[in-house]
Amino acid sequence: MARILLNYSSSDVRLFFRIFFVVAFILINLLGTKCLAVRAKLRLLQRRTVPLPYMTSWLGSFDSLYALRVVKTLPGGWLSLLMIFAYLLNLSSDFTSALIKSVPVHDRCQFGTGLVVSSALIELVPWNGAPYTVVSQAQTTSLLNDGLKGVYKKANRDINFSADANDLLGGWHCDRNSLELDYPWDVSVNDIVTSLQQHDLLYDTPYAVSASIGNTSHLVVLDTSVGENVGTVFDVRFSVDITPYGNVTKHMQSYQCTLDDTYGYLQPIQEMIHSQDTLKNWAEMFQGSVYEGTGTPASNNTGGILEQTLNSMTMVAGGDNYLLNTAHSSETQGCLTQRTHILWELLMLSGLTLLLLAFLLLFWLGMVIRLKVLSGRMNVEDARWIQENTPTGNFGWMAQAVRESHRPRAVQVKTADLKHWHFGGSSEGAGGLWITNKATHSNVAEETISLRPSSAL
């Protein structure tokens, strides 16, 4: 199932849904109360009594559940099921913050200023400047952001950089040779290099770099396929001692590195580079990259590190060792940006809330139309009195209590007994609308009762 991502901050989206649910449940409470009131008036217009629990206002909180225990029946009849449903929806809406998350996604961002690979002007590629640091870190940043590694069209210090296929010109690939050789700790570097050449693990012009603290350690030997020649593409071979110390048997791993020039754009850059002299200058950079420091073995990702360093060397050459290029500032590069992820559960919760609101609105409108039709078929004053004096809510029942206080005798009623009482016309001949325990239809023809009290309050 596809994710729903919005290009708005998660805080703004949370605020929107919080306001939506607050407004929606206010409207649900208002419409629910109106539905209960109109339904009661319809029954009264039909000369029927209304069960007292049906004449509650909309219970929009835990009261919708607690009322079941108090009155031993559904307050509001079947509408109480909607009250409980609305309460559960309202309760669930309080957890919207858990259903809205800020997630990183791949996008294209404006490039700005940086190194742009666009020329082939450097024979001896410098290794000790800020451009190398930036392009090397750009590859690390891209990998950390689930992007691609390689020779980029452009690079800068953007911490959200995440390269995609549109950013790549190609890249170096270093394949590990299955032949690995061991040498006693006291064998000279020259003898090791000669042996590696004899096993076709190096070319004809190798260059070795190592640490010598008592014994030789951290030996790295590198070589170019074209020797001193310039004006042609080249491959690179490496042999790396993976052991941490100089007084242990040396275990040499070898790699064959080739440049994948995807679009043919890197060939002029390679042809310009004096590969032998450049690799000699970069030898300690390669060596320092594959170890974690003094007394440490070579990295398990030696091949990947060699690739990254060769990629950096190529970008520095193609970018003319210059970081302040603004010629492509309006172009884009791959990046990670924050998007707001909305879970489907939140949409379902919102949809159910809107569905309930729409149902109550249509139900209320339908009953209002029916109420108007019935009102037109009976005495205008009776209809008006029912419309104005049918108790709904606390204040309506306060007014009814005042009317009831004029009745001649008091009745003791427990809360749990309310389900046996109704509101409507009384058969005791008192006239008006009263609370009664007679769950019957008023016999208008025989009793000819007035729905209005004999005297105004």
Foldseek 3Di string as FASTA:
>chain_A
DDFDWFPDDLVVVLVVLVVVLVVLVVLLQVLQQLLLLLVQLVCQLVLFWFQPLLQARQDQECCLVVVCVQQVDRRNPPVSVVSVVNHVLSVVSVCQSVQKDKDKDKDKDFDFFWFAQADADDAAFDCPDVLLVFLLVLQVLQVVLVADAAQFRTTGNDSFFHFHPVGHQWFKFKDWDPDKDKAALPDDPVVVVVVCVVVVQAEDDKDWDFDCDPTTDFIKIKYWNPQQDAQFAIKMKMWTFQAQDSNGITIIIMITMDITRPPPPLGSNRRSYRVVNNCVNCVVVLSVQQAPDHRGGGDPPSRVSVGSSVSSSSSCSSRVVDTGDRPRRRGIGMGIDIIMTGDVVSVVSSVVSVVSSVVSVVSSVVSVVVLVVSCVVDDVVLSVCSVVQVAHDDVSVVVLVVVVVPDDDDDDDRSNRSSQKTWHADPPLQAAIHIGSDRDRDDCVVNVGHNHGPDDD
